C-alpha atoms as a PDB file:
ATOM      1  CA  MET A   1      64.009 116.883  95.221  1.00  0.00           C
ATOM      2  CA  THR A   2      66.094 115.785  92.276  1.00  0.00           C
ATOM      3  CA  ASP A   3      69.756 116.784  92.395  1.00  0.00           C
ATOM      4  CA  TYR A   4      71.086 119.311  89.894  1.00  0.00           C
ATOM      5  CA  PHE A   5      73.591 117.992  87.316  1.00  0.00           C
ATOM      6  CA  THR A   6      75.888 120.055  85.113  1.00  0.00           C
ATOM      7  CA  ARG A   7      78.931 119.585  82.899  1.00  0.00           C
ATOM      8  CA  ASP A   8      79.605 123.330  82.851  1.00  0.00           C
ATOM      9  CA  TYR A   9      82.904 123.822  84.684  1.00  0.00           C
ATOM     10  CA  TYR A  10      82.360 127.540  85.239  1.00  0.00           C
ATOM     11  CA  LEU A  11      78.808 127.085  86.528  1.00  0.00           C
ATOM     12  CA  ALA A  12      80.028 124.385  88.904  1.00  0.00           C
ATOM     13  CA  ALA A  13      82.760 126.705  90.195  1.00  0.00           C
ATOM     14  CA  TYR A  14      80.207 129.495  90.612  1.00  0.00           C
ATOM     15  CA  LEU A  15      77.833 127.251  92.572  1.00  0.00           C
ATOM     16  CA  ILE A  16      80.639 126.066  94.855  1.00  0.00           C
ATOM     17  CA  ALA A  17      81.852 129.631  95.428  1.00  0.00           C
ATOM     18  CA  LYS A  18      78.310 130.638  96.392  1.00  0.00           C
ATOM     19  CA  GLY A  19      78.020 127.828  98.936  1.00  0.00           C
ATOM     20  CA  CYS A  20      76.160 125.052  97.119  1.00  0.00           C
ATOM     21  CA  SER A  21      77.099 121.508  98.128  1.00  0.00           C
ATOM     22  CA  LEU A  22      78.878 119.398  95.537  1.00  0.00           C
ATOM     23  CA  VAL A  23      77.493 115.919  96.133  1.00  0.00           C
ATOM     24  CA  GLU A  24      79.430 113.949  93.554  1.00  0.00           C
ATOM     25  CA  HIS A  25      81.400 114.189  90.350  1.00  0.00           C
ATOM     26  CA  GLN A  26      82.060 111.531  87.775  1.00  0.00           C
ATOM     27  CA  ARG A  27      83.668 111.188  84.405  1.00  0.00           C
ATOM     28  CA  LYS A  28      81.295 110.374  81.520  1.00  0.00           C
ATOM     29  CA  ASN A  29      82.328 110.210  77.868  1.00  0.00           C
ATOM     30  CA  GLY A  30      85.438 112.305  78.416  1.00  0.00           C
ATOM     31  CA  THR A  31      83.761 115.064  80.457  1.00  0.00           C
ATOM     32  CA  THR A  32      83.209 115.501  84.160  1.00  0.00           C
ATOM     33  CA  GLU A  33      79.642 115.747  85.384  1.00  0.00           C
ATOM     34  CA  PHE A  34      79.034 117.563  88.661  1.00  0.00           C
ATOM     35  CA  ARG A  35      76.074 116.812  90.917  1.00  0.00           C
ATOM     36  CA  PHE A  36      74.790 119.390  93.401  1.00  0.00           C
ATOM     37  CA  GLU A  37      72.084 119.206  96.029  1.00  0.00           C
ATOM     38  CA  SER A  38      68.934 120.665  94.553  1.00  0.00           C
ATOM     39  CA  SER A  39      67.597 123.561  96.605  1.00  0.00           C
ATOM     40  CA  ASP A  40      65.939 126.907  96.133  1.00  0.00           C
ATOM     41  CA  LEU A  41      69.386 128.510  96.395  1.00  0.00           C
ATOM     42  CA  THR A  42      70.797 126.262  93.655  1.00  0.00           C
ATOM     43  CA  LYS A  43      67.857 127.032  91.343  1.00  0.00           C
ATOM     44  CA  THR A  44      68.173 130.775  91.960  1.00  0.00           C
ATOM     45  CA  LEU A  45      71.922 130.759  91.349  1.00  0.00           C
ATOM     46  CA  VAL A  46      71.588 128.740  88.138  1.00  0.00           C
ATOM     47  CA  ASN A  47      68.920 131.147  86.875  1.00  0.00           C
ATOM     48  CA  ASP A  48      71.113 134.136  87.785  1.00  0.00           C
ATOM     49  CA  TYR A  49      74.097 132.555  86.027  1.00  0.00           C
ATOM     50  CA  TYR A  50      72.281 131.919  82.763  1.00  0.00           C
ATOM     51  CA  SER A  51      70.491 135.281  82.785  1.00  0.00           C
ATOM     52  CA  PHE A  52      73.796 137.164  83.257  1.00  0.00           C
ATOM     53  CA  LYS A  53      72.779 138.430  86.699  1.00  0.00           C
ATOM     54  CA  ALA A  54      75.341 136.436  88.662  1.00  0.00           C
ATOM     55  CA  LEU A  55      77.596 138.386  90.981  1.00  0.00           C
ATOM     56  CA  ILE A  56      80.579 136.733  92.634  1.00  0.00           C
ATOM     57  CA  ASN A  57      83.689 137.677  94.560  1.00  0.00           C
ATOM     58  CA  PRO A  58      86.499 137.025  92.062  1.00  0.00           C
ATOM     59  CA  ILE A  59      88.812 135.534  94.694  1.00  0.00           C
ATOM     60  CA  ASN A  60      86.149 133.039  95.804  1.00  0.00           C
ATOM     61  CA  PHE A  61      85.435 132.161  92.166  1.00  0.00           C
ATOM     62  CA  GLY A  62      89.140 131.659  91.417  1.00  0.00           C
ATOM     63  CA  ASN A  63      89.558 129.446  94.474  1.00  0.00           C
ATOM     64  CA  ALA A  64      86.536 127.352  93.468  1.00  0.00           C
ATOM     65  CA  MET A  65      87.920 126.976  89.927  1.00  0.00           C
ATOM     66  CA  ARG A  66      91.281 125.791  91.269  1.00  0.00           C
ATOM     67  CA  SER A  67      89.562 123.316  93.586  1.00  0.00           C
ATOM     68  CA  LEU A  68      87.501 121.874  90.730  1.00  0.00           C
ATOM     69  CA  LYS A  69      90.565 121.649  88.524  1.00  0.00           C
ATOM     70  CA  THR A  70      92.327 119.677  91.255  1.00  0.00           C
ATOM     71  CA  ILE A  71      89.318 117.349  91.570  1.00  0.00           C
ATOM     72  CA  ILE A  72      89.239 116.750  87.807  1.00  0.00           C
ATOM     73  CA  GLN A  73      92.993 116.156  87.562  1.00  0.00           C
ATOM     74  CA  ALA A  74      92.961 113.747  90.506  1.00  0.00           C
ATOM     75  CA  GLN A  75      90.111 111.858  88.893  1.00  0.00           C
ATOM     76  CA  ASN A  76      91.944 111.732  85.546  1.00  0.00           C
ATOM     77  CA  ASN A  77      95.130 110.485  87.214  1.00  0.00           C
ATOM     78  CA  TYR A  78      93.177 107.826  89.079  1.00  0.00           C
ATOM     79  CA  GLU A  79      91.633 106.527  85.850  1.00  0.00           C
ATOM     80  CA  LYS A  80      94.937 106.322  83.968  1.00  0.00           C
ATOM     81  CA  PRO A  81      96.967 103.149  84.261  1.00  0.00           C
ATOM     82  CA  GLN A  82      99.733 103.589  86.804  1.00  0.00           C
ATOM     83  CA  TYR A  83     102.107 101.414  84.815  1.00  0.00           C
ATOM     84  CA  GLN A  84     102.637 100.287  81.267  1.00  0.00           C
ATOM     85  CA  SER A  85     102.750  96.656  80.319  1.00  0.00           C
ATOM     86  CA  GLN A  86     106.124  95.685  78.949  1.00  0.00           C
ATOM     87  CA  THR A  87     106.647  92.872  76.499  1.00  0.00           C
ATOM     88  CA  LYS A  88     109.823  90.887  76.086  1.00  0.00           C
ATOM     89  CA  ARG A  89     111.664  91.385  72.844  1.00  0.00           C
ATOM     90  CA  GLY A  90     113.045  88.415  71.048  1.00  0.00           C
ATOM     91  CA  ASN A  91     116.814  88.241  70.650  1.00  0.00           C
END
């Protein structure tokens, strides 16, 4: 099966909160793309999400959102230079 990819932060948080496995995430063109294992559960949850039938415990959803935010921020910090090049000024 092909994995499921999304750039939708809220969908990714929903899938994580419902127990789907986040396989990988990577930054592309300024946005983070999330990759989940494709399964019948993932397909059902995605369909429920986009058809406004999704039900979720708000605490689980909030925790998943915070976890994703941490992942994204860690990735952004890793990609930024840790130092700035300094040039000598002439006297």
